[in-house]
Each structure stands twice: as C-alpha cells, then as structure tokens.
Full PDB file with SEQRES, HELIX, SHEET, SSBOND, CRYST1, ORIGX, SCALE, CONECT and MASTER records, all heavy atoms in Angstrom:
SEQRES   1 A   43  GLY LEU ASN VAL GLY GLY VAL ASP LEU GLY LEU SER PHE          
SEQRES   2 A   43  THR ASP TYR SER TYR ASP SER ASP GLY TYR GLY GLY GLN          
SEQRES   3 A   43  GLN GLU ILE ALA VAL SER ALA SER VAL LYS GLY LEU GLY          
SEQRES   4 A   43  LEU SER TYR THR                                              
SHEET    1 AA1 4 LEU A   2  VAL A   4  0                                        
SHEET    2 AA1 4 VAL A   7  SER A  17 -1                                        
SHEET    3 AA1 4 GLY A  25  VAL A  35 -1                                        
SHEET    4 AA1 4 LEU A  38  TYR A  42 -1                                        
CRYST1    1.000    1.000    1.000  90.00  90.00  90.00 P 1           1          
ORIGX1      1.000000  0.000000  0.000000        0.00000                         
ORIGX2      0.000000  1.000000  0.000000        0.00000                         
ORIGX3      0.000000  0.000000  1.000000        0.00000                         
SCALE1      1.000000  0.000000  0.000000        0.00000                         
SCALE2      0.000000  1.000000  0.000000        0.00000                         
SCALE3      0.000000  0.000000  1.000000        0.00000                         
ATOM      1  N   GLY A   1      -6.144   0.339  12.364  1.00  0.00           N  
ATOM      2  CA  GLY A   1      -6.170  -0.493  11.182  1.00  0.00           C  
ATOM      3  C   GLY A   1      -7.460  -0.347  10.412  1.00  0.00           C  
ATOM      4  O   GLY A   1      -8.506  -0.018  10.977  1.00  0.00           O  
ATOM      5  N   LEU A   2      -7.384  -0.565   9.124  1.00  0.00           N  
ATOM      6  CA  LEU A   2      -8.560  -0.510   8.268  1.00  0.00           C  
ATOM      7  C   LEU A   2      -8.328  -1.388   7.059  1.00  0.00           C  
ATOM      8  O   LEU A   2      -7.189  -1.759   6.745  1.00  0.00           O  
ATOM      9  CB  LEU A   2      -8.892   0.914   7.852  1.00  0.00           C  
ATOM     10  CG  LEU A   2      -7.977   1.591   6.802  1.00  0.00           C  
ATOM     11  CD1 LEU A   2      -8.676   2.821   6.246  1.00  0.00           C  
ATOM     12  CD2 LEU A   2      -6.625   1.986   7.396  1.00  0.00           C  
ATOM     13  N   ASN A   3      -9.417  -1.721   6.392  1.00  0.00           N  
ATOM     14  CA  ASN A   3      -9.354  -2.540   5.187  1.00  0.00           C  
ATOM     15  C   ASN A   3      -9.683  -1.673   3.985  1.00  0.00           C  
ATOM     16  O   ASN A   3     -10.737  -1.029   3.944  1.00  0.00           O  
ATOM     17  CB  ASN A   3     -10.324  -3.717   5.287  1.00  0.00           C  
ATOM     18  CG  ASN A   3     -10.220  -4.662   4.110  1.00  0.00           C  
ATOM     19  OD1 ASN A   3     -10.728  -4.392   3.025  1.00  0.00           O  
ATOM     20  ND2 ASN A   3      -9.565  -5.793   4.320  1.00  0.00           N  
ATOM     21  N   VAL A   4      -8.783  -1.650   3.003  1.00  0.00           N  
ATOM     22  CA  VAL A   4      -8.977  -0.858   1.795  1.00  0.00           C  
ATOM     23  C   VAL A   4      -8.844  -1.785   0.590  1.00  0.00           C  
ATOM     24  O   VAL A   4      -7.766  -2.316   0.323  1.00  0.00           O  
ATOM     25  CB  VAL A   4      -7.947   0.284   1.698  1.00  0.00           C  
ATOM     26  CG1 VAL A   4      -8.158   1.070   0.400  1.00  0.00           C  
ATOM     27  CG2 VAL A   4      -8.043   1.206   2.902  1.00  0.00           C  
ATOM     28  N   GLY A   5      -9.947  -2.002  -0.107  1.00  0.00           N  
ATOM     29  CA  GLY A   5      -9.920  -2.833  -1.300  1.00  0.00           C  
ATOM     30  C   GLY A   5      -9.435  -4.247  -1.058  1.00  0.00           C  
ATOM     31  O   GLY A   5      -8.750  -4.824  -1.911  1.00  0.00           O  
ATOM     32  N   GLY A   6      -9.748  -4.790   0.116  1.00  0.00           N  
ATOM     33  CA  GLY A   6      -9.331  -6.147   0.439  1.00  0.00           C  
ATOM     34  C   GLY A   6      -7.951  -6.255   1.055  1.00  0.00           C  
ATOM     35  O   GLY A   6      -7.486  -7.361   1.351  1.00  0.00           O  
ATOM     36  N   VAL A   7      -7.271  -5.115   1.263  1.00  0.00           N  
ATOM     37  CA  VAL A   7      -5.951  -5.093   1.882  1.00  0.00           C  
ATOM     38  C   VAL A   7      -6.064  -4.540   3.291  1.00  0.00           C  
ATOM     39  O   VAL A   7      -6.617  -3.450   3.498  1.00  0.00           O  
ATOM     40  CB  VAL A   7      -4.957  -4.239   1.066  1.00  0.00           C  
ATOM     41  CG1 VAL A   7      -3.587  -4.223   1.740  1.00  0.00           C  
ATOM     42  CG2 VAL A   7      -4.859  -4.758  -0.358  1.00  0.00           C  
ATOM     43  N   ASP A   8      -5.563  -5.275   4.281  1.00  0.00           N  
ATOM     44  CA  ASP A   8      -5.554  -4.816   5.664  1.00  0.00           C  
ATOM     45  C   ASP A   8      -4.335  -3.933   5.896  1.00  0.00           C  
ATOM     46  O   ASP A   8      -3.190  -4.369   5.694  1.00  0.00           O  
ATOM     47  CB  ASP A   8      -5.522  -6.001   6.628  1.00  0.00           C  
ATOM     48  CG  ASP A   8      -6.805  -6.810   6.592  1.00  0.00           C  
ATOM     49  OD1 ASP A   8      -7.876  -6.206   6.388  1.00  0.00           O  
ATOM     50  OD2 ASP A   8      -6.733  -8.050   6.766  1.00  0.00           O  
ATOM     51  N   LEU A   9      -4.577  -2.686   6.308  1.00  0.00           N  
ATOM     52  CA  LEU A   9      -3.506  -1.726   6.558  1.00  0.00           C  
ATOM     53  C   LEU A   9      -3.452  -1.390   8.039  1.00  0.00           C  
ATOM     54  O   LEU A   9      -4.491  -1.301   8.705  1.00  0.00           O  
ATOM     55  CB  LEU A   9      -3.731  -0.444   5.755  1.00  0.00           C  
ATOM     56  CG  LEU A   9      -3.862  -0.606   4.234  1.00  0.00           C  
ATOM     57  CD1 LEU A   9      -4.200   0.727   3.590  1.00  0.00           C  
ATOM     58  CD2 LEU A   9      -2.574  -1.184   3.641  1.00  0.00           C  
ATOM     59  N   GLY A  10      -2.249  -1.209   8.564  1.00  0.00           N  
ATOM     60  CA  GLY A  10      -2.097  -0.886   9.979  1.00  0.00           C  
ATOM     61  C   GLY A  10      -1.021   0.143  10.219  1.00  0.00           C  
ATOM     62  O   GLY A  10      -0.032   0.223   9.478  1.00  0.00           O  
ATOM     63  N   LEU A  11      -1.221   0.962  11.265  1.00  0.00           N  
ATOM     64  CA  LEU A  11      -0.256   1.967  11.701  1.00  0.00           C  
ATOM     65  C   LEU A  11      -0.211   1.910  13.223  1.00  0.00           C  
ATOM     66  O   LEU A  11      -1.255   1.886  13.875  1.00  0.00           O  
ATOM     67  CB  LEU A  11      -0.677   3.359  11.232  1.00  0.00           C  
ATOM     68  CG  LEU A  11       0.154   4.546  11.755  1.00  0.00           C  
ATOM     69  CD1 LEU A  11       1.575   4.496  11.197  1.00  0.00           C  
ATOM     70  CD2 LEU A  11      -0.527   5.866  11.394  1.00  0.00           C  
ATOM     71  N   SER A  12       0.997   1.877  13.806  1.00  0.00           N  
ATOM     72  CA  SER A  12       1.086   1.751  15.258  1.00  0.00           C  
ATOM     73  C   SER A  12       2.280   2.506  15.811  1.00  0.00           C  
ATOM     74  O   SER A  12       3.268   2.770  15.112  1.00  0.00           O  
ATOM     75  CB  SER A  12       1.185   0.274  15.669  1.00  0.00           C  
ATOM     76  OG  SER A  12       2.405  -0.295  15.214  1.00  0.00           O  
ATOM     77  N   PHE A  13       2.175   2.855  17.100  1.00  0.00           N  
ATOM     78  CA  PHE A  13       3.274   3.435  17.865  1.00  0.00           C  
ATOM     79  C   PHE A  13       3.425   2.640  19.145  1.00  0.00           C  
ATOM     80  O   PHE A  13       2.432   2.362  19.831  1.00  0.00           O  
ATOM     81  CB  PHE A  13       3.028   4.911  18.200  1.00  0.00           C  
ATOM     82  CG  PHE A  13       4.046   5.468  19.162  1.00  0.00           C  
ATOM     83  CD1 PHE A  13       5.290   5.876  18.704  1.00  0.00           C  
ATOM     84  CD2 PHE A  13       3.768   5.562  20.516  1.00  0.00           C  
ATOM     85  CE1 PHE A  13       6.243   6.373  19.582  1.00  0.00           C  
ATOM     86  CE2 PHE A  13       4.702   6.061  21.403  1.00  0.00           C  
ATOM     87  CZ  PHE A  13       5.947   6.472  20.944  1.00  0.00           C  
ATOM     88  N   THR A  14       4.660   2.258  19.488  1.00  0.00           N  
ATOM     89  CA  THR A  14       4.922   1.490  20.698  1.00  0.00           C  
ATOM     90  C   THR A  14       6.064   2.114  21.481  1.00  0.00           C  
ATOM     91  O   THR A  14       7.094   2.487  20.912  1.00  0.00           O  
ATOM     92  CB  THR A  14       5.293   0.027  20.369  1.00  0.00           C  
ATOM     93  OG1 THR A  14       4.275  -0.563  19.569  1.00  0.00           O  
ATOM     94  CG2 THR A  14       5.456  -0.789  21.649  1.00  0.00           C  
ATOM     95  N   ASP A  15       5.860   2.228  22.810  1.00  0.00           N  
ATOM     96  CA  ASP A  15       6.907   2.711  23.704  1.00  0.00           C  
ATOM     97  C   ASP A  15       7.295   1.563  24.637  1.00  0.00           C  
ATOM     98  O   ASP A  15       6.450   1.005  25.334  1.00  0.00           O  
ATOM     99  CB  ASP A  15       6.421   3.908  24.523  1.00  0.00           C  
ATOM    100  CG  ASP A  15       7.464   4.379  25.508  1.00  0.00           C  
ATOM    101  OD1 ASP A  15       8.353   5.150  25.105  1.00  0.00           O  
ATOM    102  OD2 ASP A  15       7.383   3.983  26.698  1.00  0.00           O  
ATOM    103  N   TYR A  16       8.589   1.199  24.636  1.00  0.00           N  
ATOM    104  CA  TYR A  16       9.107   0.123  25.487  1.00  0.00           C  
ATOM    105  C   TYR A  16       9.870   0.755  26.655  1.00  0.00           C  
ATOM    106  O   TYR A  16      10.780   1.562  26.444  1.00  0.00           O  
ATOM    107  CB  TYR A  16      10.067  -0.782  24.717  1.00  0.00           C  
ATOM    108  CG  TYR A  16       9.500  -1.416  23.471  1.00  0.00           C  
ATOM    109  CD1 TYR A  16       9.486  -0.731  22.256  1.00  0.00           C  
ATOM    110  CD2 TYR A  16       9.003  -2.722  23.486  1.00  0.00           C  
ATOM    111  CE1 TYR A  16       8.990  -1.320  21.103  1.00  0.00           C  
ATOM    112  CE2 TYR A  16       8.508  -3.324  22.339  1.00  0.00           C  
ATOM    113  CZ  TYR A  16       8.502  -2.613  21.145  1.00  0.00           C  
ATOM    114  OH  TYR A  16       8.011  -3.189  19.999  1.00  0.00           O  
ATOM    115  N   SER A  17       9.529   0.386  27.883  1.00  0.00           N  
ATOM    116  CA  SER A  17      10.253   0.886  29.051  1.00  0.00           C  
ATOM    117  C   SER A  17      10.563  -0.285  29.985  1.00  0.00           C  
ATOM    118  O   SER A  17       9.932  -1.343  29.911  1.00  0.00           O  
ATOM    119  CB  SER A  17       9.445   1.956  29.790  1.00  0.00           C  
ATOM    120  OG  SER A  17       8.203   1.429  30.250  1.00  0.00           O  
ATOM    121  N   TYR A  18      11.551  -0.067  30.891  1.00  0.00           N  
ATOM    122  CA  TYR A  18      12.054  -1.151  31.732  1.00  0.00           C  
ATOM    123  C   TYR A  18      12.303  -0.653  33.145  1.00  0.00           C  
ATOM    124  O   TYR A  18      12.732   0.486  33.355  1.00  0.00           O  
ATOM    125  CB  TYR A  18      13.347  -1.724  31.143  1.00  0.00           C  
ATOM    126  CG  TYR A  18      13.221  -2.089  29.683  1.00  0.00           C  
ATOM    127  CD1 TYR A  18      13.494  -1.141  28.680  1.00  0.00           C  
ATOM    128  CD2 TYR A  18      12.795  -3.343  29.287  1.00  0.00           C  
ATOM    129  CE1 TYR A  18      13.370  -1.459  27.339  1.00  0.00           C  
ATOM    130  CE2 TYR A  18      12.655  -3.670  27.941  1.00  0.00           C  
ATOM    131  CZ  TYR A  18      12.946  -2.718  26.976  1.00  0.00           C  
ATOM    132  OH  TYR A  18      12.794  -3.027  25.644  1.00  0.00           O  
ATOM    133  N   ASP A  19      12.060  -1.534  34.126  1.00  0.00           N  
ATOM    134  CA  ASP A  19      12.315  -1.190  35.525  1.00  0.00           C  
ATOM    135  C   ASP A  19      13.797  -1.252  35.863  1.00  0.00           C  
ATOM    136  O   ASP A  19      14.277  -0.508  36.717  1.00  0.00           O  
ATOM    137  CB  ASP A  19      11.550  -2.144  36.454  1.00  0.00           C  
ATOM    138  CG  ASP A  19      10.048  -1.932  36.387  1.00  0.00           C  
ATOM    139  OD1 ASP A  19       9.632  -0.822  36.003  1.00  0.00           O  
ATOM    140  OD2 ASP A  19       9.297  -2.867  36.717  1.00  0.00           O  
ATOM    141  N   SER A  20      14.536  -2.142  35.214  1.00  0.00           N  
ATOM    142  CA  SER A  20      15.947  -2.345  35.544  1.00  0.00           C  
ATOM    143  C   SER A  20      16.816  -1.239  34.945  1.00  0.00           C  
ATOM    144  O   SER A  20      16.565  -0.759  33.840  1.00  0.00           O  
ATOM    145  CB  SER A  20      16.416  -3.699  35.019  1.00  0.00           C  
ATOM    146  OG  SER A  20      15.670  -4.750  35.611  1.00  0.00           O  
ATOM    147  N   ASP A  21      17.852  -0.857  35.682  1.00  0.00           N  
ATOM    148  CA  ASP A  21      18.789   0.152  35.198  1.00  0.00           C  
ATOM    149  C   ASP A  21      19.604  -0.408  34.039  1.00  0.00           C  
ATOM    150  O   ASP A  21      19.902  -1.594  33.971  1.00  0.00           O  
ATOM    151  CB  ASP A  21      19.735   0.572  36.320  1.00  0.00           C  
ATOM    152  CG  ASP A  21      19.011   1.294  37.446  1.00  0.00           C  
ATOM    153  OD1 ASP A  21      17.946   1.881  37.174  1.00  0.00           O  
ATOM    154  OD2 ASP A  21      19.510   1.263  38.596  1.00  0.00           O  
ATOM    155  N   GLY A  22      19.981   0.467  33.111  1.00  0.00           N  
ATOM    156  CA  GLY A  22      20.845   0.078  32.017  1.00  0.00           C  
ATOM    157  C   GLY A  22      20.125  -0.419  30.782  1.00  0.00           C  
ATOM    158  O   GLY A  22      20.766  -0.678  29.762  1.00  0.00           O  
ATOM    159  N   TYR A  23      18.786  -0.551  30.857  1.00  0.00           N  
ATOM    160  CA  TYR A  23      18.062  -1.057  29.704  1.00  0.00           C  
ATOM    161  C   TYR A  23      17.519   0.066  28.818  1.00  0.00           C  
ATOM    162  O   TYR A  23      17.110  -0.179  27.700  1.00  0.00           O  
ATOM    163  CB  TYR A  23      16.902  -1.954  30.162  1.00  0.00           C  
ATOM    164  CG  TYR A  23      17.337  -3.353  30.518  1.00  0.00           C  
ATOM    165  CD1 TYR A  23      17.780  -3.647  31.801  1.00  0.00           C  
ATOM    166  CD2 TYR A  23      17.311  -4.375  29.586  1.00  0.00           C  
ATOM    167  CE1 TYR A  23      18.188  -4.932  32.151  1.00  0.00           C  
ATOM    168  CE2 TYR A  23      17.710  -5.660  29.919  1.00  0.00           C  
ATOM    169  CZ  TYR A  23      18.142  -5.925  31.203  1.00  0.00           C  
ATOM    170  OH  TYR A  23      18.541  -7.194  31.536  1.00  0.00           O  
ATOM    171  N   GLY A  24      17.502   1.294  29.323  1.00  0.00           N  
ATOM    172  CA  GLY A  24      17.024   2.405  28.504  1.00  0.00           C  
ATOM    173  C   GLY A  24      15.595   2.200  28.068  1.00  0.00           C  
ATOM    174  O   GLY A  24      14.723   1.814  28.847  1.00  0.00           O  
ATOM    175  N   GLY A  25      15.335   2.426  26.797  1.00  0.00           N  
ATOM    176  CA  GLY A  25      13.990   2.247  26.263  1.00  0.00           C  
ATOM    177  C   GLY A  25      14.002   2.415  24.766  1.00  0.00           C  
ATOM    178  O   GLY A  25      14.990   2.853  24.168  1.00  0.00           O  
ATOM    179  N   GLN A  26      12.900   2.046  24.141  1.00  0.00           N  
ATOM    180  CA  GLN A  26      12.765   2.169  22.697  1.00  0.00           C  
ATOM    181  C   GLN A  26      11.401   2.761  22.356  1.00  0.00           C  
ATOM    182  O   GLN A  26      10.432   2.589  23.107  1.00  0.00           O  
ATOM    183  CB  GLN A  26      12.908   0.814  21.990  1.00  0.00           C  
ATOM    184  CG  GLN A  26      14.236   0.118  22.182  1.00  0.00           C  
ATOM    185  CD  GLN A  26      14.286  -0.704  23.447  1.00  0.00           C  
ATOM    186  OE1 GLN A  26      13.303  -1.332  23.821  1.00  0.00           O  
ATOM    187  NE2 GLN A  26      15.428  -0.709  24.107  1.00  0.00           N  
ATOM    188  N   GLN A  27      11.356   3.448  21.220  1.00  0.00           N  
ATOM    189  CA  GLN A  27      10.105   3.949  20.662  1.00  0.00           C  
ATOM    190  C   GLN A  27      10.059   3.549  19.193  1.00  0.00           C  
ATOM    191  O   GLN A  27      11.059   3.692  18.486  1.00  0.00           O  
ATOM    192  CB  GLN A  27       9.987   5.473  20.795  1.00  0.00           C  
ATOM    193  CG  GLN A  27       9.920   5.987  22.233  1.00  0.00           C  
ATOM    194  CD  GLN A  27      11.278   6.006  22.909  1.00  0.00           C  
ATOM    195  OE1 GLN A  27      12.270   6.387  22.292  1.00  0.00           O  
ATOM    196  NE2 GLN A  27      11.334   5.605  24.166  1.00  0.00           N  
ATOM    197  N   GLU A  28       8.905   3.042  18.761  1.00  0.00           N  
ATOM    198  CA  GLU A  28       8.783   2.553  17.388  1.00  0.00           C  
ATOM    199  C   GLU A  28       7.500   3.035  16.730  1.00  0.00           C  
ATOM    200  O   GLU A  28       6.450   3.120  17.380  1.00  0.00           O  
ATOM    201  CB  GLU A  28       8.774   1.023  17.366  1.00  0.00           C  
ATOM    202  CG  GLU A  28      10.062   0.373  17.826  1.00  0.00           C  
ATOM    203  CD  GLU A  28      10.018  -1.141  17.747  1.00  0.00           C  
ATOM    204  OE1 GLU A  28       8.916  -1.700  17.526  1.00  0.00           O  
ATOM    205  OE2 GLU A  28      11.070  -1.771  17.902  1.00  0.00           O  
ATOM    206  N   ILE A  29       7.598   3.341  15.453  1.00  0.00           N  
ATOM    207  CA  ILE A  29       6.441   3.583  14.593  1.00  0.00           C  
ATOM    208  C   ILE A  29       6.469   2.521  13.504  1.00  0.00           C  
ATOM    209  O   ILE A  29       7.514   2.292  12.879  1.00  0.00           O  
ATOM    210  CB  ILE A  29       6.483   4.992  13.977  1.00  0.00           C  
ATOM    211  CG1 ILE A  29       6.382   6.057  15.066  1.00  0.00           C  
ATOM    212  CG2 ILE A  29       5.351   5.160  12.955  1.00  0.00           C  
ATOM    213  CD1 ILE A  29       6.494   7.473  14.538  1.00  0.00           C  
ATOM    214  N   ALA A  30       5.347   1.848  13.305  1.00  0.00           N  
ATOM    215  CA  ALA A  30       5.297   0.745  12.353  1.00  0.00           C  
ATOM    216  C   ALA A  30       4.119   0.894  11.406  1.00  0.00           C  
ATOM    217  O   ALA A  30       3.050   1.368  11.789  1.00  0.00           O  
ATOM    218  CB  ALA A  30       5.205  -0.598  13.079  1.00  0.00           C  
ATOM    219  N   VAL A  31       4.329   0.489  10.162  1.00  0.00           N  
ATOM    220  CA  VAL A  31       3.254   0.420   9.171  1.00  0.00           C  
ATOM    221  C   VAL A  31       3.222  -1.010   8.638  1.00  0.00           C  
ATOM    222  O   VAL A  31       4.268  -1.678   8.545  1.00  0.00           O  
ATOM    223  CB  VAL A  31       3.451   1.425   8.023  1.00  0.00           C  
ATOM    224  CG1 VAL A  31       3.303   2.852   8.516  1.00  0.00           C  
ATOM    225  CG2 VAL A  31       4.802   1.225   7.362  1.00  0.00           C  
ATOM    226  N   SER A  32       2.032  -1.490   8.297  1.00  0.00           N  
ATOM    227  CA  SER A  32       1.918  -2.865   7.827  1.00  0.00           C  
ATOM    228  C   SER A  32       0.806  -2.979   6.797  1.00  0.00           C  
ATOM    229  O   SER A  32      -0.119  -2.157   6.749  1.00  0.00           O  
ATOM    230  CB  SER A  32       1.642  -3.819   8.993  1.00  0.00           C  
ATOM    231  OG  SER A  32       0.390  -3.508   9.606  1.00  0.00           O  
ATOM    232  N   ALA A  33       0.913  -4.020   5.976  1.00  0.00           N  
ATOM    233  CA  ALA A  33      -0.119  -4.324   4.987  1.00  0.00           C  
ATOM    234  C   ALA A  33      -0.159  -5.834   4.816  1.00  0.00           C  
ATOM    235  O   ALA A  33       0.878  -6.501   4.834  1.00  0.00           O  
ATOM    236  CB  ALA A  33       0.178  -3.649   3.650  1.00  0.00           C  
ATOM    237  N   SER A  34      -1.362  -6.371   4.664  1.00  0.00           N  
ATOM    238  CA  SER A  34      -1.496  -7.807   4.451  1.00  0.00           C  
ATOM    239  C   SER A  34      -2.685  -8.085   3.549  1.00  0.00           C  
ATOM    240  O   SER A  34      -3.689  -7.362   3.578  1.00  0.00           O  
ATOM    241  CB  SER A  34      -1.660  -8.548   5.785  1.00  0.00           C  
ATOM    242  OG  SER A  34      -2.848  -8.153   6.443  1.00  0.00           O  
ATOM    243  N   VAL A  35      -2.554  -9.131   2.758  1.00  0.00           N  
ATOM    244  CA  VAL A  35      -3.624  -9.545   1.860  1.00  0.00           C  
ATOM    245  C   VAL A  35      -3.506 -11.042   1.620  1.00  0.00           C  
ATOM    246  O   VAL A  35      -2.422 -11.556   1.349  1.00  0.00           O  
ATOM    247  CB  VAL A  35      -3.577  -8.751   0.530  1.00  0.00           C  
ATOM    248  CG1 VAL A  35      -2.249  -8.952  -0.193  1.00  0.00           C  
ATOM    249  CG2 VAL A  35      -4.739  -9.137  -0.368  1.00  0.00           C  
ATOM    250  N   LYS A  36      -4.617 -11.740   1.794  1.00  0.00           N  
ATOM    251  CA  LYS A  36      -4.683 -13.178   1.543  1.00  0.00           C  
ATOM    252  C   LYS A  36      -3.572 -13.943   2.257  1.00  0.00           C  
ATOM    253  O   LYS A  36      -2.940 -14.840   1.694  1.00  0.00           O  
ATOM    254  CB  LYS A  36      -4.654 -13.457   0.041  1.00  0.00           C  
ATOM    255  CG  LYS A  36      -5.862 -12.890  -0.704  1.00  0.00           C  
ATOM    256  CD  LYS A  36      -5.827 -13.241  -2.174  1.00  0.00           C  
ATOM    257  CE  LYS A  36      -7.080 -12.701  -2.877  1.00  0.00           C  
ATOM    258  NZ  LYS A  36      -7.092 -13.027  -4.321  1.00  0.00           N  
ATOM    259  N   GLY A  37      -3.319 -13.575   3.502  1.00  0.00           N  
ATOM    260  CA  GLY A  37      -2.351 -14.292   4.321  1.00  0.00           C  
ATOM    261  C   GLY A  37      -0.921 -13.816   4.208  1.00  0.00           C  
ATOM    262  O   GLY A  37      -0.061 -14.218   5.005  1.00  0.00           O  
ATOM    263  N   LEU A  38      -0.626 -12.965   3.223  1.00  0.00           N  
ATOM    264  CA  LEU A  38       0.728 -12.460   3.027  1.00  0.00           C  
ATOM    265  C   LEU A  38       0.851 -11.067   3.630  1.00  0.00           C  
ATOM    266  O   LEU A  38       0.064 -10.179   3.306  1.00  0.00           O  
ATOM    267  CB  LEU A  38       1.066 -12.417   1.541  1.00  0.00           C  
ATOM    268  CG  LEU A  38       2.484 -11.973   1.171  1.00  0.00           C  
ATOM    269  CD1 LEU A  38       3.520 -12.957   1.709  1.00  0.00           C  
ATOM    270  CD2 LEU A  38       2.613 -11.817  -0.339  1.00  0.00           C  
ATOM    271  N   GLY A  39       1.831 -10.882   4.511  1.00  0.00           N  
ATOM    272  CA  GLY A  39       1.970  -9.608   5.194  1.00  0.00           C  
ATOM    273  C   GLY A  39       3.357  -9.012   5.072  1.00  0.00           C  
ATOM    274  O   GLY A  39       4.364  -9.729   4.971  1.00  0.00           O  
ATOM    275  N   LEU A  40       3.421  -7.691   5.068  1.00  0.00           N  
ATOM    276  CA  LEU A  40       4.671  -6.948   4.995  1.00  0.00           C  
ATOM    277  C   LEU A  40       4.605  -5.804   5.998  1.00  0.00           C  
ATOM    278  O   LEU A  40       3.581  -5.113   6.087  1.00  0.00           O  
ATOM    279  CB  LEU A  40       4.894  -6.397   3.586  1.00  0.00           C  
ATOM    280  CG  LEU A  40       6.140  -5.530   3.359  1.00  0.00           C  
ATOM    281  CD1 LEU A  40       7.412  -6.369   3.494  1.00  0.00           C  
ATOM    282  CD2 LEU A  40       6.077  -4.854   1.982  1.00  0.00           C  
ATOM    283  N   SER A  41       5.675  -5.605   6.763  1.00  0.00           N  
ATOM    284  CA  SER A  41       5.688  -4.508   7.729  1.00  0.00           C  
ATOM    285  C   SER A  41       7.040  -3.813   7.740  1.00  0.00           C  
ATOM    286  O   SER A  41       8.082  -4.424   7.442  1.00  0.00           O  
ATOM    287  CB  SER A  41       5.360  -5.012   9.142  1.00  0.00           C  
ATOM    288  OG  SER A  41       6.448  -5.733   9.682  1.00  0.00           O  
ATOM    289  N   TYR A  42       7.008  -2.524   8.099  1.00  0.00           N  
ATOM    290  CA  TYR A  42       8.231  -1.742   8.252  1.00  0.00           C  
ATOM    291  C   TYR A  42       8.133  -0.981   9.568  1.00  0.00           C  
ATOM    292  O   TYR A  42       7.123  -0.324   9.856  1.00  0.00           O  
ATOM    293  CB  TYR A  42       8.414  -0.750   7.103  1.00  0.00           C  
ATOM    294  CG  TYR A  42       9.595   0.179   7.321  1.00  0.00           C  
ATOM    295  CD1 TYR A  42      10.889  -0.254   7.046  1.00  0.00           C  
ATOM    296  CD2 TYR A  42       9.404   1.457   7.830  1.00  0.00           C  
ATOM    297  CE1 TYR A  42      11.974   0.589   7.270  1.00  0.00           C  
ATOM    298  CE2 TYR A  42      10.478   2.306   8.053  1.00  0.00           C  
ATOM    299  CZ  TYR A  42      11.758   1.859   7.776  1.00  0.00           C  
ATOM    300  OH  TYR A  42      12.830   2.684   8.010  1.00  0.00           O  
ATOM    301  N   THR A  43       9.184  -1.074  10.379  1.00  0.00           N  
ATOM    302  CA  THR A  43       9.242  -0.410  11.679  1.00  0.00           C  
ATOM    303  C   THR A  43      10.446   0.499  11.738  1.00  0.00           C  
ATOM    304  O   THR A  43      11.563   0.101  11.374  1.00  0.00           O  
ATOM    305  CB  THR A  43       9.323  -1.442  12.821  1.00  0.00           C  
ATOM    306  OG1 THR A  43       8.181  -2.293  12.784  1.00  0.00           O  
ATOM    307  CG2 THR A  43       9.400  -0.751  14.171  1.00  0.00           C  
TER     308      THR A  43                                                      
MASTER        0    0    0    0    4    0    0    6  307    1    0    4          
END                                                                             
C-alpha cells in the first residue's frame, strides 16, 4: 500500500486453503482505494 495525493491505494494477493476434504481453495487478487473514510475495492 501507498499514499498518492492523499489517496490510500492497496494491492494484495491471498491464498485460502483448508484442512478438510471437499473445501478446495481460493486465490484472490484485490485492488483498493480510499480517501477521507470512503473506500472502494475490487477482487
């Protein structure tokens, strides 16, 4: 994450895994932006 012109920007990658059979897993890439308490994200 970094701040550009007063806007907080973020980029992330998350891997979800499970011990139980049948749950598979998920992988996500997310981007986000927030300013003055208002935030928007897309995953």
